[in-house]
């Protein structure tokens, strides 16, 4: 039998401020390159799996 999943912790105080600051920061050059690669990738459908 599977173990129950614990609830996700709630962000409060300094941890919440750090998270919001991190999410609002500009993307780094490497993150921009990764986003560009993901945007330009080509999906290839699996053959025979409909």
PDB file of N, CA and C in Angstrom:
ATOM      1  N   UNK A   1       0.838  -1.171   0.000  1.00  0.00           N
ATOM      2  CA  UNK A   1       0.000   0.000   0.000  1.00  0.00           C
ATOM      3  C   UNK A   1       0.889   1.242   0.000  1.00  0.00           C
ATOM      4  N   UNK A   2       0.497   2.249  -0.722  1.00  0.00           N
ATOM      5  CA  UNK A   2       1.297   3.473  -0.856  1.00  0.00           C
ATOM      6  C   UNK A   2       1.196   4.323   0.400  1.00  0.00           C
ATOM      7  N   UNK A   3       2.276   5.048   0.668  1.00  0.00           N
ATOM      8  CA  UNK A   3       2.275   5.970   1.802  1.00  0.00           C
ATOM      9  C   UNK A   3       1.544   7.247   1.414  1.00  0.00           C
ATOM     10  N   UNK A   4       0.826   7.857   2.355  1.00  0.00           N
ATOM     11  CA  UNK A   4       0.154   9.120   2.044  1.00  0.00           C
ATOM     12  C   UNK A   4       1.174  10.232   1.818  1.00  0.00           C
ATOM     13  N   UNK A   5       0.835  11.158   0.965  1.00  0.00           N
ATOM     14  CA  UNK A   5       1.709  12.291   0.661  1.00  0.00           C
ATOM     15  C   UNK A   5       1.467  13.382   1.692  1.00  0.00           C
ATOM     16  N   UNK A   6       2.558  13.893   2.261  1.00  0.00           N
ATOM     17  CA  UNK A   6       2.449  14.953   3.267  1.00  0.00           C
ATOM     18  C   UNK A   6       2.005  16.248   2.594  1.00  0.00           C
ATOM     19  N   UNK A   7       1.301  17.098   3.322  1.00  0.00           N
ATOM     20  CA  UNK A   7       0.879  18.377   2.742  1.00  0.00           C
ATOM     21  C   UNK A   7       2.083  19.257   2.398  1.00  0.00           C
ATOM     22  N   UNK A   8       1.926  20.070   1.380  1.00  0.00           N
ATOM     23  CA  UNK A   8       2.980  21.001   0.984  1.00  0.00           C
ATOM     24  C   UNK A   8       3.121  22.070   2.051  1.00  0.00           C
ATOM     25  N   UNK A   9       4.364  22.367   2.465  1.00  0.00           N
ATOM     26  CA  UNK A   9       4.528  23.408   3.485  1.00  0.00           C
ATOM     27  C   UNK A   9       4.109  24.776   2.955  1.00  0.00           C
ATOM     28  N   UNK A  10       3.639  25.613   3.852  1.00  0.00           N
ATOM     29  CA  UNK A  10       3.194  26.952   3.504  1.00  0.00           C
ATOM     30  C   UNK A  10       4.374  27.911   3.648  1.00  0.00           C
ATOM     31  N   UNK A  11       4.586  28.751   2.644  1.00  0.00           N
ATOM     32  CA  UNK A  11       5.641  29.760   2.714  1.00  0.00           C
ATOM     33  C   UNK A  11       5.132  30.942   3.519  1.00  0.00           C
ATOM     34  N   UNK A  12       5.958  31.378   4.470  1.00  0.00           N
ATOM     35  CA  UNK A  12       5.603  32.530   5.296  1.00  0.00           C
ATOM     36  C   UNK A  12       6.852  33.353   5.580  1.00  0.00           C
ATOM     37  N   UNK A  13       6.664  34.603   5.927  1.00  0.00           N
ATOM     38  CA  UNK A  13       7.747  35.465   6.396  1.00  0.00           C
ATOM     39  C   UNK A  13       8.872  35.637   5.387  1.00  0.00           C
ATOM     40  N   UNK A  14      10.110  35.465   5.862  1.00  0.00           N
ATOM     41  CA  UNK A  14      11.299  35.673   5.027  1.00  0.00           C
ATOM     42  C   UNK A  14      11.342  34.705   3.847  1.00  0.00           C
ATOM     43  N   UNK A  15      10.915  33.456   4.070  1.00  0.00           N
ATOM     44  CA  UNK A  15      10.914  32.481   2.973  1.00  0.00           C
ATOM     45  C   UNK A  15      10.001  32.937   1.846  1.00  0.00           C
ATOM     46  N   UNK A  16       8.841  33.465   2.184  1.00  0.00           N
ATOM     47  CA  UNK A  16       7.909  33.960   1.181  1.00  0.00           C
ATOM     48  C   UNK A  16       8.505  35.154   0.436  1.00  0.00           C
ATOM     49  N   UNK A  17       9.120  36.076   1.166  1.00  0.00           N
ATOM     50  CA  UNK A  17       9.745  37.247   0.539  1.00  0.00           C
ATOM     51  C   UNK A  17      10.848  36.838  -0.424  1.00  0.00           C
ATOM     52  N   UNK A  18      11.665  35.851  -0.034  1.00  0.00           N
ATOM     53  CA  UNK A  18      12.751  35.366  -0.903  1.00  0.00           C
ATOM     54  C   UNK A  18      12.190  34.722  -2.168  1.00  0.00           C
ATOM     55  N   UNK A  19      11.123  33.941  -2.017  1.00  0.00           N
ATOM     56  CA  UNK A  19      10.519  33.274  -3.167  1.00  0.00           C
ATOM     57  C   UNK A  19       9.959  34.295  -4.151  1.00  0.00           C
ATOM     58  N   UNK A  20       9.234  35.286  -3.651  1.00  0.00           N
ATOM     59  CA  UNK A  20       8.647  36.304  -4.518  1.00  0.00           C
ATOM     60  C   UNK A  20       9.750  37.087  -5.227  1.00  0.00           C
ATOM     61  N   UNK A  21      10.798  37.442  -4.499  1.00  0.00           N
ATOM     62  CA  UNK A  21      11.917  38.171  -5.096  1.00  0.00           C
ATOM     63  C   UNK A  21      12.579  37.332  -6.197  1.00  0.00           C
ATOM     64  N   UNK A  22      12.763  36.036  -5.939  1.00  0.00           N
ATOM     65  CA  UNK A  22      13.372  35.137  -6.917  1.00  0.00           C
ATOM     66  C   UNK A  22      12.504  35.028  -8.171  1.00  0.00           C
ATOM     67  N   UNK A  23      11.192  34.909  -7.992  1.00  0.00           N
ATOM     68  CA  UNK A  23      10.296  34.740  -9.133  1.00  0.00           C
ATOM     69  C   UNK A  23      10.204  36.000  -9.992  1.00  0.00           C
ATOM     70  N   UNK A  24      10.408  37.177  -9.391  1.00  0.00           N
ATOM     71  CA  UNK A  24      10.296  38.430 -10.127  1.00  0.00           C
ATOM     72  C   UNK A  24      11.604  38.876 -10.766  1.00  0.00           C
ATOM     73  N   UNK A  25      12.712  38.207 -10.443  1.00  0.00           N
ATOM     74  CA  UNK A  25      14.006  38.638 -10.970  1.00  0.00           C
ATOM     75  C   UNK A  25      14.082  38.394 -12.472  1.00  0.00           C
ATOM     76  N   UNK A  26      14.938  39.151 -13.174  1.00  0.00           N
ATOM     77  CA  UNK A  26      15.098  38.903 -14.609  1.00  0.00           C
ATOM     78  C   UNK A  26      15.750  37.536 -14.848  1.00  0.00           C
ATOM     79  N   UNK A  27      15.442  36.945 -15.988  1.00  0.00           N
ATOM     80  CA  UNK A  27      16.037  35.655 -16.332  1.00  0.00           C
ATOM     81  C   UNK A  27      17.519  35.832 -16.641  1.00  0.00           C
ATOM     82  N   UNK A  28      18.293  34.801 -16.313  1.00  0.00           N
ATOM     83  CA  UNK A  28      19.712  34.818 -16.651  1.00  0.00           C
ATOM     84  C   UNK A  28      19.868  34.477 -18.134  1.00  0.00           C
ATOM     85  N   UNK A  29      21.053  34.675 -18.651  1.00  0.00           N
ATOM     86  CA  UNK A  29      21.323  34.365 -20.060  1.00  0.00           C
ATOM     87  C   UNK A  29      21.072  32.883 -20.329  1.00  0.00           C
ATOM     88  N   UNK A  30      21.517  32.034 -19.410  1.00  0.00           N
ATOM     89  CA  UNK A  30      21.331  30.595 -19.594  1.00  0.00           C
ATOM     90  C   UNK A  30      19.846  30.220 -19.572  1.00  0.00           C
ATOM     91  N   UNK A  31      19.064  30.826 -18.671  1.00  0.00           N
ATOM     92  CA  UNK A  31      17.632  30.544 -18.614  1.00  0.00           C
ATOM     93  C   UNK A  31      16.934  30.993 -19.897  1.00  0.00           C
ATOM     94  N   UNK A  32      17.355  32.130 -20.453  1.00  0.00           N
ATOM     95  CA  UNK A  32      16.783  32.598 -21.713  1.00  0.00           C
ATOM     96  C   UNK A  32      17.096  31.626 -22.846  1.00  0.00           C
ATOM     97  N   UNK A  33      18.331  31.094 -22.866  1.00  0.00           N
ATOM     98  CA  UNK A  33      18.712  30.125 -23.900  1.00  0.00           C
ATOM     99  C   UNK A  33      17.875  28.855 -23.778  1.00  0.00           C
ATOM    100  N   UNK A  34      17.665  28.401 -22.554  1.00  0.00           N
ATOM    101  CA  UNK A  34      16.857  27.193 -22.338  1.00  0.00           C
ATOM    102  C   UNK A  34      15.419  27.429 -22.796  1.00  0.00           C
ATOM    103  N   UNK A  35      14.846  28.576 -22.451  1.00  0.00           N
ATOM    104  CA  UNK A  35      13.479  28.902 -22.880  1.00  0.00           C
ATOM    105  C   UNK A  35      13.368  28.954 -24.394  1.00  0.00           C
ATOM    106  N   UNK A  36      14.374  29.526 -25.046  1.00  0.00           N
ATOM    107  CA  UNK A  36      14.375  29.627 -26.507  1.00  0.00           C
ATOM    108  C   UNK A  36      14.439  28.236 -27.135  1.00  0.00           C
ATOM    109  N   UNK A  37      15.289  27.362 -26.580  1.00  0.00           N
ATOM    110  CA  UNK A  37      15.399  26.002 -27.084  1.00  0.00           C
ATOM    111  C   UNK A  37      14.076  25.252 -26.920  1.00  0.00           C
ATOM    112  N   UNK A  38      13.434  25.421 -25.791  1.00  0.00           N
ATOM    113  CA  UNK A  38      12.150  24.755 -25.563  1.00  0.00           C
ATOM    114  C   UNK A  38      11.074  25.274 -26.512  1.00  0.00           C
ATOM    115  N   UNK A  39      11.100  26.580 -26.755  1.00  0.00           N
ATOM    116  CA  UNK A  39      10.101  27.183 -27.639  1.00  0.00           C
ATOM    117  C   UNK A  39      10.283  26.698 -29.078  1.00  0.00           C
ATOM    118  N   UNK A  40      11.517  26.443 -29.484  1.00  0.00           N
ATOM    119  CA  UNK A  40      11.794  26.075 -30.874  1.00  0.00           C
ATOM    120  C   UNK A  40      11.902  24.570 -31.107  1.00  0.00           C
ATOM    121  N   UNK A  41      11.677  23.760 -30.075  1.00  0.00           N
ATOM    122  CA  UNK A  41      11.816  22.327 -30.293  1.00  0.00           C
ATOM    123  C   UNK A  41      10.651  21.805 -31.136  1.00  0.00           C
ATOM    124  N   UNK A  42      10.869  20.684 -31.734  1.00  0.00           N
ATOM    125  CA  UNK A  42       9.875  20.100 -32.628  1.00  0.00           C
ATOM    126  C   UNK A  42       9.346  18.828 -32.000  1.00  0.00           C
ATOM    127  N   UNK A  43       8.044  18.719 -31.877  1.00  0.00           N
ATOM    128  CA  UNK A  43       7.421  17.500 -31.358  1.00  0.00           C
ATOM    129  C   UNK A  43       7.336  16.473 -32.471  1.00  0.00           C
ATOM    130  N   UNK A  44       7.741  15.259 -32.166  1.00  0.00           N
ATOM    131  CA  UNK A  44       7.647  14.173 -33.128  1.00  0.00           C
ATOM    132  C   UNK A  44       6.660  13.165 -32.554  1.00  0.00           C
ATOM    133  N   UNK A  45       5.524  12.988 -33.225  1.00  0.00           N
ATOM    134  CA  UNK A  45       4.510  12.056 -32.690  1.00  0.00           C
ATOM    135  C   UNK A  45       5.008  10.617 -32.746  1.00  0.00           C
ATOM    136  N   UNK A  46       4.575   9.836 -31.785  1.00  0.00           N
ATOM    137  CA  UNK A  46       4.909   8.403 -31.764  1.00  0.00           C
ATOM    138  C   UNK A  46       4.094   7.699 -32.849  1.00  0.00           C
ATOM    139  N   UNK A  47       4.733   6.816 -33.568  1.00  0.00           N
ATOM    140  CA  UNK A  47       4.061   6.104 -34.652  1.00  0.00           C
ATOM    141  C   UNK A  47       3.332   4.889 -34.086  1.00  0.00           C
ATOM    142  N   UNK A  48       2.062   4.754 -34.403  1.00  0.00           N
ATOM    143  CA  UNK A  48       1.298   3.582 -34.007  1.00  0.00           C
ATOM    144  C   UNK A  48       0.651   3.683 -32.641  1.00  0.00           C
ATOM    145  N   UNK A  49       0.744   4.795 -31.979  1.00  0.00           N
ATOM    146  CA  UNK A  49       0.104   4.961 -30.674  1.00  0.00           C
ATOM    147  C   UNK A  49      -0.945   6.036 -30.754  1.00  0.00           C
ATOM    148  N   UNK A  50      -2.151   5.683 -31.108  1.00  0.00           N
ATOM    149  CA  UNK A  50      -3.246   6.657 -31.209  1.00  0.00           C
ATOM    150  C   UNK A  50      -4.223   6.491 -30.105  1.00  0.00           C
TER     151      UNK A  50
END
